C-alpha atoms as a PDB file:
ATOM      1  CA  MET A   1      16.460  -6.990  12.834  1.00  0.00           C
ATOM      2  CA  LYS A   2      14.452  -4.955  10.422  1.00  0.00           C
ATOM      3  CA  PHE A   3      10.613  -4.567  10.087  1.00  0.00           C
ATOM      4  CA  GLY A   4       8.658  -3.712   7.217  1.00  0.00           C
ATOM      5  CA  ILE A   5       4.919  -3.418   5.930  1.00  0.00           C
ATOM      6  CA  PHE A   6       3.434  -5.252   3.086  1.00  0.00           C
ATOM      7  CA  TYR A   7       0.268  -4.232   1.237  1.00  0.00           C
ATOM      8  CA  GLU A   8      -2.254  -6.195  -0.927  1.00  0.00           C
ATOM      9  CA  HIS A   9      -5.144  -3.469  -0.443  1.00  0.00           C
ATOM     10  CA  GLN A  10      -7.875  -6.095   0.161  1.00  0.00           C
ATOM     11  CA  LEU A  11     -11.504  -4.691  -0.134  1.00  0.00           C
ATOM     12  CA  PRO A  12     -14.372  -7.177   0.339  1.00  0.00           C
ATOM     13  CA  ARG A  13     -17.759  -6.675  -1.202  1.00  0.00           C
ATOM     14  CA  PRO A  14     -20.130  -4.721  -1.259  1.00  0.00           C
ATOM     15  CA  TRP A  15     -18.328  -1.644  -2.422  1.00  0.00           C
ATOM     16  CA  LYS A  16     -19.750   1.849  -1.887  1.00  0.00           C
ATOM     17  CA  GLU A  17     -18.735   5.009  -3.816  1.00  0.00           C
ATOM     18  CA  ASN A  18     -15.163   5.988  -2.905  1.00  0.00           C
ATOM     19  CA  ASP A  19     -14.271   2.917  -0.934  1.00  0.00           C
ATOM     20  CA  GLU A  20     -11.302   2.263  -3.123  1.00  0.00           C
ATOM     21  CA  LEU A  21     -10.224   5.823  -2.694  1.00  0.00           C
ATOM     22  CA  LYS A  22     -10.487   5.482   1.129  1.00  0.00           C
ATOM     23  CA  LEU A  23      -8.566   2.232   1.121  1.00  0.00           C
ATOM     24  CA  TYR A  24      -5.653   3.890  -0.572  1.00  0.00           C
ATOM     25  CA  GLN A  25      -5.701   7.069   1.447  1.00  0.00           C
ATOM     26  CA  ASP A  26      -5.801   4.922   4.646  1.00  0.00           C
ATOM     27  CA  ALA A  27      -2.763   2.881   3.343  1.00  0.00           C
ATOM     28  CA  LEU A  28      -0.786   6.120   2.608  1.00  0.00           C
ATOM     29  CA  ASP A  29      -1.777   7.302   6.237  1.00  0.00           C
ATOM     30  CA  GLN A  30      -0.476   3.896   7.649  1.00  0.00           C
ATOM     31  CA  VAL A  31       2.833   4.148   5.615  1.00  0.00           C
ATOM     32  CA  GLU A  32       3.312   7.583   6.843  1.00  0.00           C
ATOM     33  CA  LEU A  33       2.841   6.497  10.380  1.00  0.00           C
ATOM     34  CA  ALA A  34       5.070   3.466   9.787  1.00  0.00           C
ATOM     35  CA  ASP A  35       7.877   5.815   8.527  1.00  0.00           C
ATOM     36  CA  ASN A  36       7.437   7.976  11.887  1.00  0.00           C
ATOM     37  CA  LEU A  37       7.708   4.872  13.843  1.00  0.00           C
ATOM     38  CA  GLY A  38      10.832   3.774  12.120  1.00  0.00           C
ATOM     39  CA  ILE A  39       9.708   0.935   9.932  1.00  0.00           C
ATOM     40  CA  ASP A  40      12.355  -0.168   7.588  1.00  0.00           C
ATOM     41  CA  TYR A  41      10.707  -0.736   4.269  1.00  0.00           C
ATOM     42  CA  VAL A  42       7.289  -0.915   2.297  1.00  0.00           C
ATOM     43  CA  TRP A  43       6.430  -3.647  -0.063  1.00  0.00           C
ATOM     44  CA  GLU A  44       3.308  -3.800  -2.402  1.00  0.00           C
ATOM     45  CA  VAL A  45       2.103  -6.780  -4.492  1.00  0.00           C
ATOM     46  CA  GLU A  46       0.855  -6.572  -8.130  1.00  0.00           C
ATOM     47  CA  HIS A  47      -2.321  -8.687  -8.636  1.00  0.00           C
ATOM     48  CA  HIS A  48      -4.826  -8.445 -11.433  1.00  0.00           C
ATOM     49  CA  PHE A  49      -8.355  -9.649 -11.588  1.00  0.00           C
ATOM     50  CA  LEU A  50      -8.602 -10.512  -7.940  1.00  0.00           C
ATOM     51  CA  GLU A  51     -11.502  -8.060  -7.010  1.00  0.00           C
ATOM     52  CA  GLU A  52     -11.746  -8.608  -3.178  1.00  0.00           C
ATOM     53  CA  TYR A  53      -8.412 -10.042  -2.606  1.00  0.00           C
ATOM     54  CA  ALA A  54      -6.037  -7.232  -3.972  1.00  0.00           C
ATOM     55  CA  HIS A  55      -6.736  -3.733  -5.447  1.00  0.00           C
ATOM     56  CA  SER A  56      -3.252  -3.366  -6.595  1.00  0.00           C
ATOM     57  CA  SER A  57      -2.809  -3.793 -10.225  1.00  0.00           C
ATOM     58  CA  ALA A  58      -0.196  -1.035 -10.431  1.00  0.00           C
ATOM     59  CA  PRO A  59       2.048  -1.034  -7.508  1.00  0.00           C
ATOM     60  CA  GLU A  60       4.440   1.567  -8.831  1.00  0.00           C
ATOM     61  CA  VAL A  61       1.655   4.236  -8.610  1.00  0.00           C
ATOM     62  CA  PHE A  62       1.042   3.550  -4.942  1.00  0.00           C
ATOM     63  CA  LEU A  63       4.849   3.422  -4.252  1.00  0.00           C
ATOM     64  CA  ALA A  64       5.305   6.675  -6.147  1.00  0.00           C
ATOM     65  CA  ALA A  65       2.756   8.247  -3.757  1.00  0.00           C
ATOM     66  CA  CYS A  66       4.419   6.686  -0.918  1.00  0.00           C
ATOM     67  CA  SER A  67       7.859   7.961  -1.856  1.00  0.00           C
ATOM     68  CA  LYS A  68       6.420  11.565  -1.960  1.00  0.00           C
ATOM     69  CA  ARG A  69       5.670  11.359   1.694  1.00  0.00           C
ATOM     70  CA  LEU A  70       8.426   9.121   3.349  1.00  0.00           C
ATOM     71  CA  ARG A  71      12.024   8.702   4.199  1.00  0.00           C
ATOM     72  CA  ILE A  72      11.687   4.907   4.238  1.00  0.00           C
ATOM     73  CA  SER A  73      13.875   2.962   1.646  1.00  0.00           C
ATOM     74  CA  PRO A  74      13.550   0.673  -0.011  1.00  0.00           C
ATOM     75  CA  LEU A  75       9.966   0.868  -1.382  1.00  0.00           C
ATOM     76  CA  GLY A  76       9.251  -1.959  -3.889  1.00  0.00           C
ATOM     77  CA  PRO A  77       6.945  -4.326  -5.546  1.00  0.00           C
ATOM     78  CA  TRP A  78       6.516  -7.884  -4.514  1.00  0.00           C
ATOM     79  CA  ASN A  79       5.442 -10.431  -7.122  1.00  0.00           C
END
């Protein structure tokens, strides 16, 4: 059995300055922890115009940042 993690980057209102930055930094920290724990893959959605539901209009940018930190493969978008 393989295990993975899946990101939508949800951020409910009200937003404060740097909340989105913290959301992504926390997600990258979680992905790094998942890699250290032996998680097999990382998926990320691509959603547009869903302000609170998903802050992930460019998953390839997040996945590129993940690939810099990880051994996990595969990394991929989920549509």
